[in-house]
Amino acid sequence: MSALRAGKDRSPWRVYTRNPATGVLVHDGLIYRGERCAQREARKINRVLGQPAEARPVD
């Protein structure tokens, strides 16, 4: 893996889901290192809990 790719892969990301009671987008409280890891967790939440989830970079 190149240094450039490794550097991009270590950026901070959060996973957000929509609170069914209020409709507000909330994050799970964790910071994931890399987009790939965050996307994997979002897919897991979607599959296991049946809630739509999305990964976004930390501002």
PDB file of N, CA and C in Angstrom:
ATOM      1  N   MET A   1       0.849  -1.168   0.000  1.00  0.00           N
ATOM      2  CA  MET A   1       0.000   0.000   0.000  1.00  0.00           C
ATOM      3  C   MET A   1       0.897   1.234   0.000  1.00  0.00           C
ATOM      4  N   SER A   2       0.630   2.188  -0.860  1.00  0.00           N
ATOM      5  CA  SER A   2       1.456   3.384  -0.944  1.00  0.00           C
ATOM      6  C   SER A   2       1.229   4.283   0.266  1.00  0.00           C
ATOM      7  N   ALA A   3       2.190   5.151   0.537  1.00  0.00           N
ATOM      8  CA  ALA A   3       2.080   6.068   1.674  1.00  0.00           C
ATOM      9  C   ALA A   3       0.909   7.027   1.495  1.00  0.00           C
ATOM     10  N   LEU A   4       0.670   7.462   0.258  1.00  0.00           N
ATOM     11  CA  LEU A   4      -0.446   8.364  -0.002  1.00  0.00           C
ATOM     12  C   LEU A   4      -1.776   7.689   0.296  1.00  0.00           C
ATOM     13  N   ARG A   5      -1.928   6.478  -0.161  1.00  0.00           N
ATOM     14  CA  ARG A   5      -3.176   5.747   0.086  1.00  0.00           C
ATOM     15  C   ARG A   5      -3.351   5.444   1.569  1.00  0.00           C
ATOM     16  N   ALA A   6      -2.273   5.081   2.241  1.00  0.00           N
ATOM     17  CA  ALA A   6      -2.346   4.789   3.672  1.00  0.00           C
ATOM     18  C   ALA A   6      -2.732   6.041   4.450  1.00  0.00           C
ATOM     19  N   GLY A   7      -2.222   7.202   4.034  1.00  0.00           N
ATOM     20  CA  GLY A   7      -2.563   8.448   4.699  1.00  0.00           C
ATOM     21  C   GLY A   7      -4.037   8.785   4.566  1.00  0.00           C
ATOM     22  N   LYS A   8      -4.601   8.562   3.391  1.00  0.00           N
ATOM     23  CA  LYS A   8      -6.024   8.816   3.200  1.00  0.00           C
ATOM     24  C   LYS A   8      -6.873   7.823   3.988  1.00  0.00           C
ATOM     25  N   ASP A   9      -6.401   6.625   4.100  1.00  0.00           N
ATOM     26  CA  ASP A   9      -7.163   5.578   4.775  1.00  0.00           C
ATOM     27  C   ASP A   9      -7.210   5.783   6.287  1.00  0.00           C
ATOM     28  N   ARG A  10      -6.372   6.632   6.850  1.00  0.00           N
ATOM     29  CA  ARG A  10      -6.341   6.849   8.298  1.00  0.00           C
ATOM     30  C   ARG A  10      -7.108   8.093   8.730  1.00  0.00           C
ATOM     31  N   SER A  11      -7.832   8.722   7.821  1.00  0.00           N
ATOM     32  CA  SER A  11      -8.576   9.919   8.184  1.00  0.00           C
ATOM     33  C   SER A  11      -9.754   9.559   9.096  1.00  0.00           C
ATOM     34  N   PRO A  12     -10.163  10.479   9.988  1.00  0.00           N
ATOM     35  CA  PRO A  12     -11.253  10.175  10.929  1.00  0.00           C
ATOM     36  C   PRO A  12     -12.634  10.248  10.275  1.00  0.00           C
ATOM     37  N   TRP A  13     -13.454   9.266  10.556  1.00  0.00           N
ATOM     38  CA  TRP A  13     -14.824   9.180  10.038  1.00  0.00           C
ATOM     39  C   TRP A  13     -15.771   8.831  11.178  1.00  0.00           C
ATOM     40  N   ARG A  14     -17.027   9.199  11.035  1.00  0.00           N
ATOM     41  CA  ARG A  14     -18.088   8.814  11.977  1.00  0.00           C
ATOM     42  C   ARG A  14     -19.206   8.124  11.216  1.00  0.00           C
ATOM     43  N   VAL A  15     -19.934   7.285  11.919  1.00  0.00           N
ATOM     44  CA  VAL A  15     -21.089   6.596  11.337  1.00  0.00           C
ATOM     45  C   VAL A  15     -22.349   7.192  11.956  1.00  0.00           C
ATOM     46  N   TYR A  16     -23.259   7.617  11.102  1.00  0.00           N
ATOM     47  CA  TYR A  16     -24.501   8.248  11.543  1.00  0.00           C
ATOM     48  C   TYR A  16     -25.701   7.375  11.206  1.00  0.00           C
ATOM     49  N   THR A  17     -26.673   7.367  12.119  1.00  0.00           N
ATOM     50  CA  THR A  17     -27.956   6.708  11.886  1.00  0.00           C
ATOM     51  C   THR A  17     -29.054   7.697  12.251  1.00  0.00           C
ATOM     52  N   ARG A  18     -30.237   7.457  11.747  1.00  0.00           N
ATOM     53  CA  ARG A  18     -31.357   8.343  12.055  1.00  0.00           C
ATOM     54  C   ARG A  18     -32.123   7.774  13.246  1.00  0.00           C
ATOM     55  N   ASN A  19     -32.318   8.609  14.264  1.00  0.00           N
ATOM     56  CA  ASN A  19     -33.084   8.210  15.438  1.00  0.00           C
ATOM     57  C   ASN A  19     -34.542   8.048  15.020  1.00  0.00           C
ATOM     58  N   PRO A  20     -35.104   6.842  15.160  1.00  0.00           N
ATOM     59  CA  PRO A  20     -36.474   6.628  14.676  1.00  0.00           C
ATOM     60  C   PRO A  20     -37.516   7.454  15.438  1.00  0.00           C
ATOM     61  N   ALA A  21     -37.265   7.763  16.696  1.00  0.00           N
ATOM     62  CA  ALA A  21     -38.244   8.503  17.496  1.00  0.00           C
ATOM     63  C   ALA A  21     -38.307   9.981  17.103  1.00  0.00           C
ATOM     64  N   THR A  22     -37.148  10.582  16.846  1.00  0.00           N
ATOM     65  CA  THR A  22     -37.105  12.016  16.584  1.00  0.00           C
ATOM     66  C   THR A  22     -36.799  12.363  15.138  1.00  0.00           C
ATOM     67  N   GLY A  23     -36.216  11.441  14.390  1.00  0.00           N
ATOM     68  CA  GLY A  23     -35.834  11.705  13.015  1.00  0.00           C
ATOM     69  C   GLY A  23     -34.519  12.453  12.888  1.00  0.00           C
ATOM     70  N   VAL A  24     -33.829  12.655  14.009  1.00  0.00           N
ATOM     71  CA  VAL A  24     -32.557  13.383  14.010  1.00  0.00           C
ATOM     72  C   VAL A  24     -31.415  12.421  13.689  1.00  0.00           C
ATOM     73  N   LEU A  25     -30.448  12.896  12.923  1.00  0.00           N
ATOM     74  CA  LEU A  25     -29.268  12.106  12.596  1.00  0.00           C
ATOM     75  C   LEU A  25     -28.306  12.126  13.788  1.00  0.00           C
ATOM     76  N   VAL A  26     -27.922  10.968  14.293  1.00  0.00           N
ATOM     77  CA  VAL A  26     -27.022  10.883  15.445  1.00  0.00           C
ATOM     78  C   VAL A  26     -25.867   9.947  15.107  1.00  0.00           C
ATOM     79  N   HIS A  27     -24.680  10.224  15.683  1.00  0.00           N
ATOM     80  CA  HIS A  27     -23.549   9.330  15.453  1.00  0.00           C
ATOM     81  C   HIS A  27     -23.440   8.360  16.620  1.00  0.00           C
ATOM     82  N   ASP A  28     -22.705   7.301  16.417  1.00  0.00           N
ATOM     83  CA  ASP A  28     -22.632   6.235  17.419  1.00  0.00           C
ATOM     84  C   ASP A  28     -21.603   6.503  18.514  1.00  0.00           C
ATOM     85  N   GLY A  29     -20.949   7.656  18.482  1.00  0.00           N
ATOM     86  CA  GLY A  29     -20.002   8.007  19.541  1.00  0.00           C
ATOM     87  C   GLY A  29     -18.584   7.549  19.290  1.00  0.00           C
ATOM     88  N   LEU A  30     -18.353   6.865  18.193  1.00  0.00           N
ATOM     89  CA  LEU A  30     -17.014   6.369  17.892  1.00  0.00           C
ATOM     90  C   LEU A  30     -16.436   7.098  16.695  1.00  0.00           C
ATOM     91  N   ILE A  31     -15.121   7.163  16.642  1.00  0.00           N
ATOM     92  CA  ILE A  31     -14.430   7.707  15.473  1.00  0.00           C
ATOM     93  C   ILE A  31     -13.683   6.552  14.825  1.00  0.00           C
ATOM     94  N   TYR A  32     -13.985   6.316  13.563  1.00  0.00           N
ATOM     95  CA  TYR A  32     -13.362   5.227  12.815  1.00  0.00           C
ATOM     96  C   TYR A  32     -12.187   5.771  12.027  1.00  0.00           C
ATOM     97  N   ARG A  33     -11.123   5.016  11.944  1.00  0.00           N
ATOM     98  CA  ARG A  33      -9.934   5.422  11.199  1.00  0.00           C
ATOM     99  C   ARG A  33      -9.992   4.861   9.801  1.00  0.00           C
ATOM    100  N   GLY A  34     -10.374   5.716   8.870  1.00  0.00           N
ATOM    101  CA  GLY A  34     -10.432   5.324   7.466  1.00  0.00           C
ATOM    102  C   GLY A  34     -11.852   5.153   6.970  1.00  0.00           C
ATOM    103  N   GLU A  35     -12.054   5.545   5.727  1.00  0.00           N
ATOM    104  CA  GLU A  35     -13.380   5.446   5.113  1.00  0.00           C
ATOM    105  C   GLU A  35     -13.832   4.000   4.994  1.00  0.00           C
ATOM    106  N   ARG A  36     -12.925   3.133   4.650  1.00  0.00           N
ATOM    107  CA  ARG A  36     -13.281   1.717   4.455  1.00  0.00           C
ATOM    108  C   ARG A  36     -13.842   1.101   5.735  1.00  0.00           C
ATOM    109  N   CYS A  37     -13.196   1.377   6.842  1.00  0.00           N
ATOM    110  CA  CYS A  37     -13.655   0.861   8.136  1.00  0.00           C
ATOM    111  C   CYS A  37     -15.033   1.431   8.490  1.00  0.00           C
ATOM    112  N   ALA A  38     -15.213   2.731   8.288  1.00  0.00           N
ATOM    113  CA  ALA A  38     -16.487   3.374   8.611  1.00  0.00           C
ATOM    114  C   ALA A  38     -17.616   2.843   7.727  1.00  0.00           C
ATOM    115  N   GLN A  39     -17.343   2.659   6.442  1.00  0.00           N
ATOM    116  CA  GLN A  39     -18.365   2.123   5.539  1.00  0.00           C
ATOM    117  C   GLN A  39     -18.751   0.701   5.934  1.00  0.00           C
ATOM    118  N   ARG A  40     -17.774  -0.082   6.361  1.00  0.00           N
ATOM    119  CA  ARG A  40     -18.038  -1.448   6.801  1.00  0.00           C
ATOM    120  C   ARG A  40     -18.964  -1.450   8.018  1.00  0.00           C
ATOM    121  N   GLU A  41     -18.718  -0.560   8.980  1.00  0.00           N
ATOM    122  CA  GLU A  41     -19.573  -0.475  10.164  1.00  0.00           C
ATOM    123  C   GLU A  41     -20.973   0.008   9.805  1.00  0.00           C
ATOM    124  N   ALA A  42     -21.067   0.947   8.864  1.00  0.00           N
ATOM    125  CA  ALA A  42     -22.384   1.422   8.434  1.00  0.00           C
ATOM    126  C   ALA A  42     -23.189   0.292   7.787  1.00  0.00           C
ATOM    127  N   ARG A  43     -22.526  -0.508   6.965  1.00  0.00           N
ATOM    128  CA  ARG A  43     -23.219  -1.658   6.349  1.00  0.00           C
ATOM    129  C   ARG A  43     -23.664  -2.662   7.412  1.00  0.00           C
ATOM    130  N   LYS A  44     -22.847  -2.843   8.431  1.00  0.00           N
ATOM    131  CA  LYS A  44     -23.192  -3.777   9.506  1.00  0.00           C
ATOM    132  C   LYS A  44     -24.429  -3.298  10.269  1.00  0.00           C
ATOM    133  N   ILE A  45     -24.487  -2.004  10.577  1.00  0.00           N
ATOM    134  CA  ILE A  45     -25.656  -1.446  11.265  1.00  0.00           C
ATOM    135  C   ILE A  45     -26.893  -1.616  10.402  1.00  0.00           C
ATOM    136  N   ASN A  46     -26.757  -1.361   9.134  1.00  0.00           N
ATOM    137  CA  ASN A  46     -27.877  -1.508   8.213  1.00  0.00           C
ATOM    138  C   ASN A  46     -28.359  -2.955   8.159  1.00  0.00           C
ATOM    139  N   ARG A  47     -27.432  -3.880   8.086  1.00  0.00           N
ATOM    140  CA  ARG A  47     -27.780  -5.301   7.966  1.00  0.00           C
ATOM    141  C   ARG A  47     -28.352  -5.854   9.270  1.00  0.00           C
ATOM    142  N   VAL A  48     -27.700  -5.584  10.393  1.00  0.00           N
ATOM    143  CA  VAL A  48     -28.084  -6.200  11.664  1.00  0.00           C
ATOM    144  C   VAL A  48     -29.291  -5.510  12.300  1.00  0.00           C
ATOM    145  N   LEU A  49     -29.292  -4.186  12.331  1.00  0.00           N
ATOM    146  CA  LEU A  49     -30.366  -3.453  12.998  1.00  0.00           C
ATOM    147  C   LEU A  49     -31.489  -3.032  12.059  1.00  0.00           C
ATOM    148  N   GLY A  50     -31.222  -3.107  10.750  1.00  0.00           N
ATOM    149  CA  GLY A  50     -32.238  -2.716   9.792  1.00  0.00           C
ATOM    150  C   GLY A  50     -32.455  -1.213   9.716  1.00  0.00           C
ATOM    151  N   GLN A  51     -31.496  -0.423  10.212  1.00  0.00           N
ATOM    152  CA  GLN A  51     -31.588   1.031  10.157  1.00  0.00           C
ATOM    153  C   GLN A  51     -30.622   1.564   9.120  1.00  0.00           C
ATOM    154  N   PRO A  52     -31.050   2.539   8.325  1.00  0.00           N
ATOM    155  CA  PRO A  52     -30.108   3.128   7.377  1.00  0.00           C
ATOM    156  C   PRO A  52     -28.991   3.840   8.119  1.00  0.00           C
ATOM    157  N   ALA A  53     -27.777   3.655   7.680  1.00  0.00           N
ATOM    158  CA  ALA A  53     -26.616   4.287   8.299  1.00  0.00           C
ATOM    159  C   ALA A  53     -25.697   4.787   7.196  1.00  0.00           C
ATOM    160  N   GLU A  54     -24.960   5.840   7.504  1.00  0.00           N
ATOM    161  CA  GLU A  54     -24.007   6.372   6.531  1.00  0.00           C
ATOM    162  C   GLU A  54     -22.761   6.844   7.237  1.00  0.00           C
ATOM    163  N   ALA A  55     -21.655   6.774   6.530  1.00  0.00           N
ATOM    164  CA  ALA A  55     -20.367   7.211   7.059  1.00  0.00           C
ATOM    165  C   ALA A  55     -20.037   8.572   6.479  1.00  0.00           C
ATOM    166  N   ARG A  56     -19.526   9.457   7.332  1.00  0.00           N
ATOM    167  CA  ARG A  56     -19.132  10.803   6.911  1.00  0.00           C
ATOM    168  C   ARG A  56     -17.810  11.155   7.549  1.00  0.00           C
ATOM    169  N   PRO A  57     -16.990  11.927   6.834  1.00  0.00           N
ATOM    170  CA  PRO A  57     -15.715  12.347   7.436  1.00  0.00           C
ATOM    171  C   PRO A  57     -15.959  13.333   8.570  1.00  0.00           C
ATOM    172  N   VAL A  58     -15.085  13.318   9.563  1.00  0.00           N
ATOM    173  CA  VAL A  58     -15.164  14.256  10.675  1.00  0.00           C
ATOM    174  C   VAL A  58     -14.713  15.615  10.179  1.00  0.00           C
ATOM    175  N   ASP A  59     -15.445  16.651  10.525  1.00  0.00           N
ATOM    176  CA  ASP A  59     -15.082  18.004  10.079  1.00  0.00           C
ATOM    177  C   ASP A  59     -13.830  18.491  10.739  1.00  0.00           C
TER     178      ASP A  59
END
